[in-house]
């Protein structure tokens, strides 16, 4: 069995953020509802918003291989 190792640029790294207690509790509630970690919830929201704002990527962040782009 072979093990696939992600390139260094694709590996997750721990990050920190500041929030109010209320915002943190909201994040915990949404993450729990979806059954994922708070970190995965934040990352998912960032990705969703990024691709909404930049549907064709940016100069430094290209589209994923095989991504479908719809012309609106």
PDB file of N, CA and C in Angstrom:
ATOM      1  N   UNK A   1       0.842  -1.166   0.000  1.00  0.00           N
ATOM      2  CA  UNK A   1       0.000   0.000   0.000  1.00  0.00           C
ATOM      3  C   UNK A   1       0.895   1.239   0.000  1.00  0.00           C
ATOM      4  N   UNK A   2       0.621   2.189  -0.913  1.00  0.00           N
ATOM      5  CA  UNK A   2       1.429   3.403  -0.955  1.00  0.00           C
ATOM      6  C   UNK A   2       0.706   4.524  -0.217  1.00  0.00           C
ATOM      7  N   UNK A   3       1.487   5.396   0.347  1.00  0.00           N
ATOM      8  CA  UNK A   3       0.945   6.530   1.086  1.00  0.00           C
ATOM      9  C   UNK A   3       1.197   7.787   0.266  1.00  0.00           C
ATOM     10  N   UNK A   4       0.143   8.551   0.016  1.00  0.00           N
ATOM     11  CA  UNK A   4       0.281   9.795  -0.717  1.00  0.00           C
ATOM     12  C   UNK A   4       0.603  10.908   0.260  1.00  0.00           C
ATOM     13  N   UNK A   5       1.658  11.646  -0.043  1.00  0.00           N
ATOM     14  CA  UNK A   5       2.060  12.758   0.812  1.00  0.00           C
ATOM     15  C   UNK A   5       1.726  14.053   0.084  1.00  0.00           C
ATOM     16  N   UNK A   6       1.002  14.922   0.758  1.00  0.00           N
ATOM     17  CA  UNK A   6       0.639  16.200   0.158  1.00  0.00           C
ATOM     18  C   UNK A   6       1.880  17.080   0.023  1.00  0.00           C
ATOM     19  N   UNK A   7       1.942  17.881  -1.051  1.00  0.00           N
ATOM     20  CA  UNK A   7       3.037  18.851  -1.145  1.00  0.00           C
ATOM     21  C   UNK A   7       2.972  19.817   0.039  1.00  0.00           C
ATOM     22  N   UNK A   8       4.086  20.368   0.412  1.00  0.00           N
ATOM     23  CA  UNK A   8       4.164  21.278   1.555  1.00  0.00           C
ATOM     24  C   UNK A   8       3.134  22.400   1.444  1.00  0.00           C
ATOM     25  N   UNK A   9       2.914  22.934   0.240  1.00  0.00           N
ATOM     26  CA  UNK A   9       1.976  24.053   0.071  1.00  0.00           C
ATOM     27  C   UNK A   9       0.521  23.643   0.300  1.00  0.00           C
ATOM     28  N   UNK A  10       0.201  22.349   0.247  1.00  0.00           N
ATOM     29  CA  UNK A  10      -1.173  21.872   0.448  1.00  0.00           C
ATOM     30  C   UNK A  10      -1.444  21.385   1.867  1.00  0.00           C
ATOM     31  N   UNK A  11      -0.458  21.400   2.707  1.00  0.00           N
ATOM     32  CA  UNK A  11      -0.642  20.913   4.081  1.00  0.00           C
ATOM     33  C   UNK A  11      -1.276  21.985   4.952  1.00  0.00           C
ATOM     34  N   UNK A  12      -2.205  21.563   5.796  1.00  0.00           N
ATOM     35  CA  UNK A  12      -2.865  22.496   6.712  1.00  0.00           C
ATOM     36  C   UNK A  12      -1.906  22.893   7.825  1.00  0.00           C
ATOM     37  N   UNK A  13      -2.027  24.114   8.261  1.00  0.00           N
ATOM     38  CA  UNK A  13      -1.212  24.613   9.357  1.00  0.00           C
ATOM     39  C   UNK A  13      -2.135  25.217  10.416  1.00  0.00           C
ATOM     40  N   UNK A  14      -1.805  25.065  11.676  1.00  0.00           N
ATOM     41  CA  UNK A  14      -2.633  25.667  12.721  1.00  0.00           C
ATOM     42  C   UNK A  14      -2.588  27.189  12.615  1.00  0.00           C
ATOM     43  N   UNK A  15      -3.726  27.812  12.797  1.00  0.00           N
ATOM     44  CA  UNK A  15      -3.827  29.269  12.781  1.00  0.00           C
ATOM     45  C   UNK A  15      -4.621  29.692  14.016  1.00  0.00           C
ATOM     46  N   UNK A  16      -4.566  30.941  14.333  1.00  0.00           N
ATOM     47  CA  UNK A  16      -5.371  31.459  15.436  1.00  0.00           C
ATOM     48  C   UNK A  16      -6.201  32.628  14.923  1.00  0.00           C
ATOM     49  N   UNK A  17      -7.273  32.929  15.620  1.00  0.00           N
ATOM     50  CA  UNK A  17      -8.092  34.075  15.280  1.00  0.00           C
ATOM     51  C   UNK A  17      -8.717  34.626  16.544  1.00  0.00           C
ATOM     52  N   UNK A  18      -9.160  35.848  16.472  1.00  0.00           N
ATOM     53  CA  UNK A  18      -9.831  36.489  17.596  1.00  0.00           C
ATOM     54  C   UNK A  18     -11.304  36.648  17.265  1.00  0.00           C
ATOM     55  N   UNK A  19     -12.145  36.500  18.254  1.00  0.00           N
ATOM     56  CA  UNK A  19     -13.576  36.702  18.070  1.00  0.00           C
ATOM     57  C   UNK A  19     -14.214  37.008  19.405  1.00  0.00           C
ATOM     58  N   UNK A  20     -15.415  37.531  19.327  1.00  0.00           N
ATOM     59  CA  UNK A  20     -16.165  37.735  20.564  1.00  0.00           C
ATOM     60  C   UNK A  20     -16.671  36.365  21.032  1.00  0.00           C
ATOM     61  N   UNK A  21     -17.062  36.278  22.285  1.00  0.00           N
ATOM     62  CA  UNK A  21     -17.618  35.025  22.804  1.00  0.00           C
ATOM     63  C   UNK A  21     -18.859  34.622  22.013  1.00  0.00           C
ATOM     64  N   UNK A  22     -19.678  35.596  21.657  1.00  0.00           N
ATOM     65  CA  UNK A  22     -20.907  35.318  20.917  1.00  0.00           C
ATOM     66  C   UNK A  22     -20.585  34.739  19.537  1.00  0.00           C
ATOM     67  N   UNK A  23     -19.638  35.356  18.826  1.00  0.00           N
ATOM     68  CA  UNK A  23     -19.255  34.850  17.507  1.00  0.00           C
ATOM     69  C   UNK A  23     -18.681  33.437  17.598  1.00  0.00           C
ATOM     70  N   UNK A  24     -17.876  33.182  18.636  1.00  0.00           N
ATOM     71  CA  UNK A  24     -17.285  31.864  18.827  1.00  0.00           C
ATOM     72  C   UNK A  24     -18.374  30.817  19.082  1.00  0.00           C
ATOM     73  N   UNK A  25     -19.374  31.168  19.889  1.00  0.00           N
ATOM     74  CA  UNK A  25     -20.476  30.245  20.156  1.00  0.00           C
ATOM     75  C   UNK A  25     -21.288  29.977  18.889  1.00  0.00           C
ATOM     76  N   UNK A  26     -21.463  31.012  18.051  1.00  0.00           N
ATOM     77  CA  UNK A  26     -22.165  30.813  16.777  1.00  0.00           C
ATOM     78  C   UNK A  26     -21.379  29.854  15.890  1.00  0.00           C
ATOM     79  N   UNK A  27     -20.061  30.032  15.823  1.00  0.00           N
ATOM     80  CA  UNK A  27     -19.212  29.143  15.029  1.00  0.00           C
ATOM     81  C   UNK A  27     -19.306  27.712  15.548  1.00  0.00           C
ATOM     82  N   UNK A  28     -19.241  27.540  16.856  1.00  0.00           N
ATOM     83  CA  UNK A  28     -19.370  26.203  17.440  1.00  0.00           C
ATOM     84  C   UNK A  28     -20.705  25.564  17.081  1.00  0.00           C
ATOM     85  N   UNK A  29     -21.791  26.329  17.143  1.00  0.00           N
ATOM     86  CA  UNK A  29     -23.118  25.796  16.848  1.00  0.00           C
ATOM     87  C   UNK A  29     -23.226  25.360  15.388  1.00  0.00           C
ATOM     88  N   UNK A  30     -22.729  26.184  14.474  1.00  0.00           N
ATOM     89  CA  UNK A  30     -22.814  25.843  13.048  1.00  0.00           C
ATOM     90  C   UNK A  30     -21.934  24.636  12.736  1.00  0.00           C
ATOM     91  N   UNK A  31     -20.730  24.601  13.285  1.00  0.00           N
ATOM     92  CA  UNK A  31     -19.830  23.467  13.053  1.00  0.00           C
ATOM     93  C   UNK A  31     -20.447  22.179  13.599  1.00  0.00           C
ATOM     94  N   UNK A  32     -21.034  22.253  14.774  1.00  0.00           N
ATOM     95  CA  UNK A  32     -21.677  21.074  15.373  1.00  0.00           C
ATOM     96  C   UNK A  32     -22.845  20.607  14.500  1.00  0.00           C
ATOM     97  N   UNK A  33     -23.640  21.542  14.017  1.00  0.00           N
ATOM     98  CA  UNK A  33     -24.784  21.221  13.165  1.00  0.00           C
ATOM     99  C   UNK A  33     -24.335  20.455  11.916  1.00  0.00           C
ATOM    100  N   UNK A  34     -23.227  20.897  11.317  1.00  0.00           N
ATOM    101  CA  UNK A  34     -22.715  20.254  10.103  1.00  0.00           C
ATOM    102  C   UNK A  34     -21.835  19.037  10.399  1.00  0.00           C
ATOM    103  N   UNK A  35     -21.502  18.838  11.666  1.00  0.00           N
ATOM    104  CA  UNK A  35     -20.696  17.684  12.052  1.00  0.00           C
ATOM    105  C   UNK A  35     -19.229  17.800  11.666  1.00  0.00           C
ATOM    106  N   UNK A  36     -18.725  19.027  11.648  1.00  0.00           N
ATOM    107  CA  UNK A  36     -17.308  19.240  11.310  1.00  0.00           C
ATOM    108  C   UNK A  36     -16.662  20.107  12.381  1.00  0.00           C
ATOM    109  N   UNK A  37     -15.359  20.235  12.299  1.00  0.00           N
ATOM    110  CA  UNK A  37     -14.639  21.047  13.281  1.00  0.00           C
ATOM    111  C   UNK A  37     -14.841  22.535  12.997  1.00  0.00           C
ATOM    112  N   UNK A  38     -14.568  23.351  13.991  1.00  0.00           N
ATOM    113  CA  UNK A  38     -14.662  24.800  13.809  1.00  0.00           C
ATOM    114  C   UNK A  38     -13.679  25.249  12.735  1.00  0.00           C
ATOM    115  N   UNK A  39     -12.502  24.659  12.720  1.00  0.00           N
ATOM    116  CA  UNK A  39     -11.492  24.994  11.722  1.00  0.00           C
ATOM    117  C   UNK A  39     -11.980  24.672  10.311  1.00  0.00           C
ATOM    118  N   UNK A  40     -12.580  23.502  10.133  1.00  0.00           N
ATOM    119  CA  UNK A  40     -13.110  23.117   8.822  1.00  0.00           C
ATOM    120  C   UNK A  40     -14.251  24.041   8.420  1.00  0.00           C
ATOM    121  N   UNK A  41     -15.057  24.472   9.377  1.00  0.00           N
ATOM    122  CA  UNK A  41     -16.165  25.377   9.086  1.00  0.00           C
ATOM    123  C   UNK A  41     -15.645  26.710   8.573  1.00  0.00           C
ATOM    124  N   UNK A  42     -14.655  27.272   9.254  1.00  0.00           N
ATOM    125  CA  UNK A  42     -14.074  28.554   8.835  1.00  0.00           C
ATOM    126  C   UNK A  42     -13.449  28.415   7.451  1.00  0.00           C
ATOM    127  N   UNK A  43     -12.693  27.354   7.243  1.00  0.00           N
ATOM    128  CA  UNK A  43     -12.041  27.134   5.954  1.00  0.00           C
ATOM    129  C   UNK A  43     -13.066  26.998   4.837  1.00  0.00           C
ATOM    130  N   UNK A  44     -14.127  26.258   5.081  1.00  0.00           N
ATOM    131  CA  UNK A  44     -15.172  26.091   4.079  1.00  0.00           C
ATOM    132  C   UNK A  44     -15.846  27.409   3.721  1.00  0.00           C
ATOM    133  N   UNK A  45     -16.106  28.239   4.734  1.00  0.00           N
ATOM    134  CA  UNK A  45     -16.726  29.537   4.482  1.00  0.00           C
ATOM    135  C   UNK A  45     -15.801  30.450   3.677  1.00  0.00           C
ATOM    136  N   UNK A  46     -14.509  30.406   3.995  1.00  0.00           N
ATOM    137  CA  UNK A  46     -13.538  31.214   3.251  1.00  0.00           C
ATOM    138  C   UNK A  46     -13.503  30.772   1.794  1.00  0.00           C
ATOM    139  N   UNK A  47     -13.435  29.463   1.561  1.00  0.00           N
ATOM    140  CA  UNK A  47     -13.410  28.952   0.181  1.00  0.00           C
ATOM    141  C   UNK A  47     -14.655  29.362  -0.584  1.00  0.00           C
ATOM    142  N   UNK A  48     -15.808  29.195   0.041  1.00  0.00           N
ATOM    143  CA  UNK A  48     -17.073  29.531  -0.622  1.00  0.00           C
ATOM    144  C   UNK A  48     -17.097  31.007  -1.020  1.00  0.00           C
ATOM    145  N   UNK A  49     -16.712  31.875  -0.109  1.00  0.00           N
ATOM    146  CA  UNK A  49     -16.711  33.313  -0.386  1.00  0.00           C
ATOM    147  C   UNK A  49     -15.655  33.669  -1.428  1.00  0.00           C
ATOM    148  N   UNK A  50     -14.477  33.050  -1.351  1.00  0.00           N
ATOM    149  CA  UNK A  50     -13.414  33.334  -2.325  1.00  0.00           C
ATOM    150  C   UNK A  50     -13.888  33.032  -3.733  1.00  0.00           C
ATOM    151  N   UNK A  51     -14.463  31.838  -3.949  1.00  0.00           N
ATOM    152  CA  UNK A  51     -14.885  31.451  -5.294  1.00  0.00           C
ATOM    153  C   UNK A  51     -16.107  32.239  -5.749  1.00  0.00           C
ATOM    154  N   UNK A  52     -16.889  32.769  -4.807  1.00  0.00           N
ATOM    155  CA  UNK A  52     -17.998  33.640  -5.185  1.00  0.00           C
ATOM    156  C   UNK A  52     -17.453  34.968  -5.715  1.00  0.00           C
ATOM    157  N   UNK A  53     -16.448  35.513  -5.042  1.00  0.00           N
ATOM    158  CA  UNK A  53     -15.874  36.800  -5.426  1.00  0.00           C
ATOM    159  C   UNK A  53     -14.950  36.667  -6.640  1.00  0.00           C
ATOM    160  N   UNK A  54     -14.183  35.582  -6.698  1.00  0.00           N
ATOM    161  CA  UNK A  54     -13.214  35.361  -7.782  1.00  0.00           C
ATOM    162  C   UNK A  54     -13.517  34.043  -8.496  1.00  0.00           C
ATOM    163  N   UNK A  55     -14.591  33.956  -9.282  1.00  0.00           N
ATOM    164  CA  UNK A  55     -14.982  32.686  -9.906  1.00  0.00           C
ATOM    165  C   UNK A  55     -13.940  32.106 -10.863  1.00  0.00           C
ATOM    166  N   UNK A  56     -13.043  32.927 -11.358  1.00  0.00           N
ATOM    167  CA  UNK A  56     -11.986  32.443 -12.262  1.00  0.00           C
ATOM    168  C   UNK A  56     -10.631  32.382 -11.571  1.00  0.00           C
ATOM    169  N   UNK A  57     -10.607  32.499 -10.263  1.00  0.00           N
ATOM    170  CA  UNK A  57      -9.350  32.489  -9.525  1.00  0.00           C
ATOM    171  C   UNK A  57      -8.681  33.855  -9.601  1.00  0.00           C
ATOM    172  N   UNK A  58      -7.452  33.905  -9.142  1.00  0.00           N
ATOM    173  CA  UNK A  58      -6.654  35.138  -9.208  1.00  0.00           C
ATOM    174  C   UNK A  58      -5.310  34.774  -9.818  1.00  0.00           C
ATOM    175  N   UNK A  59      -4.455  35.764  -9.998  1.00  0.00           N
ATOM    176  CA  UNK A  59      -3.129  35.500 -10.554  1.00  0.00           C
ATOM    177  C   UNK A  59      -2.345  34.492  -9.729  1.00  0.00           C
ATOM    178  N   UNK A  60      -2.451  34.571  -8.414  1.00  0.00           N
ATOM    179  CA  UNK A  60      -1.680  33.663  -7.558  1.00  0.00           C
ATOM    180  C   UNK A  60      -2.467  32.423  -7.133  1.00  0.00           C
ATOM    181  N   UNK A  61      -3.789  32.423  -7.341  1.00  0.00           N
ATOM    182  CA  UNK A  61      -4.619  31.273  -6.977  1.00  0.00           C
ATOM    183  C   UNK A  61      -5.411  30.846  -8.214  1.00  0.00           C
ATOM    184  N   UNK A  62      -4.869  29.874  -8.950  1.00  0.00           N
ATOM    185  CA  UNK A  62      -5.555  29.422 -10.168  1.00  0.00           C
ATOM    186  C   UNK A  62      -6.720  28.494  -9.832  1.00  0.00           C
ATOM    187  N   UNK A  63      -7.567  28.258 -10.836  1.00  0.00           N
ATOM    188  CA  UNK A  63      -8.657  27.300 -10.671  1.00  0.00           C
ATOM    189  C   UNK A  63      -8.098  25.922 -10.411  1.00  0.00           C
ATOM    190  N   UNK A  64      -8.853  25.088  -9.709  1.00  0.00           N
ATOM    191  CA  UNK A  64      -8.469  23.705  -9.508  1.00  0.00           C
ATOM    192  C   UNK A  64      -8.543  22.970 -10.852  1.00  0.00           C
ATOM    193  N   UNK A  65      -7.706  21.979 -11.018  1.00  0.00           N
ATOM    194  CA  UNK A  65      -7.735  21.164 -12.243  1.00  0.00           C
ATOM    195  C   UNK A  65      -9.122  20.569 -12.427  1.00  0.00           C
ATOM    196  N   UNK A  66      -9.694  20.708 -13.609  1.00  0.00           N
ATOM    197  CA  UNK A  66     -11.000  20.143 -13.891  1.00  0.00           C
ATOM    198  C   UNK A  66     -12.174  20.967 -13.419  1.00  0.00           C
ATOM    199  N   UNK A  67     -11.913  22.165 -12.865  1.00  0.00           N
ATOM    200  CA  UNK A  67     -13.012  23.015 -12.390  1.00  0.00           C
ATOM    201  C   UNK A  67     -13.851  23.486 -13.567  1.00  0.00           C
ATOM    202  N   UNK A  68     -15.153  23.541 -13.346  1.00  0.00           N
ATOM    203  CA  UNK A  68     -16.069  24.033 -14.375  1.00  0.00           C
ATOM    204  C   UNK A  68     -16.430  25.473 -14.047  1.00  0.00           C
ATOM    205  N   UNK A  69     -16.285  26.333 -15.013  1.00  0.00           N
ATOM    206  CA  UNK A  69     -16.615  27.746 -14.828  1.00  0.00           C
ATOM    207  C   UNK A  69     -17.800  28.053 -15.716  1.00  0.00           C
ATOM    208  N   UNK A  70     -18.859  28.605 -15.124  1.00  0.00           N
ATOM    209  CA  UNK A  70     -20.024  28.971 -15.929  1.00  0.00           C
ATOM    210  C   UNK A  70     -19.950  30.454 -16.241  1.00  0.00           C
ATOM    211  N   UNK A  71     -20.282  30.795 -17.442  1.00  0.00           N
ATOM    212  CA  UNK A  71     -20.343  32.196 -17.860  1.00  0.00           C
ATOM    213  C   UNK A  71     -21.694  32.744 -17.437  1.00  0.00           C
ATOM    214  N   UNK A  72     -21.691  33.846 -16.656  1.00  0.00           N
ATOM    215  CA  UNK A  72     -22.987  34.405 -16.254  1.00  0.00           C
ATOM    216  C   UNK A  72     -23.251  35.702 -16.942  1.00  0.00           C
TER     217      UNK A  72
END
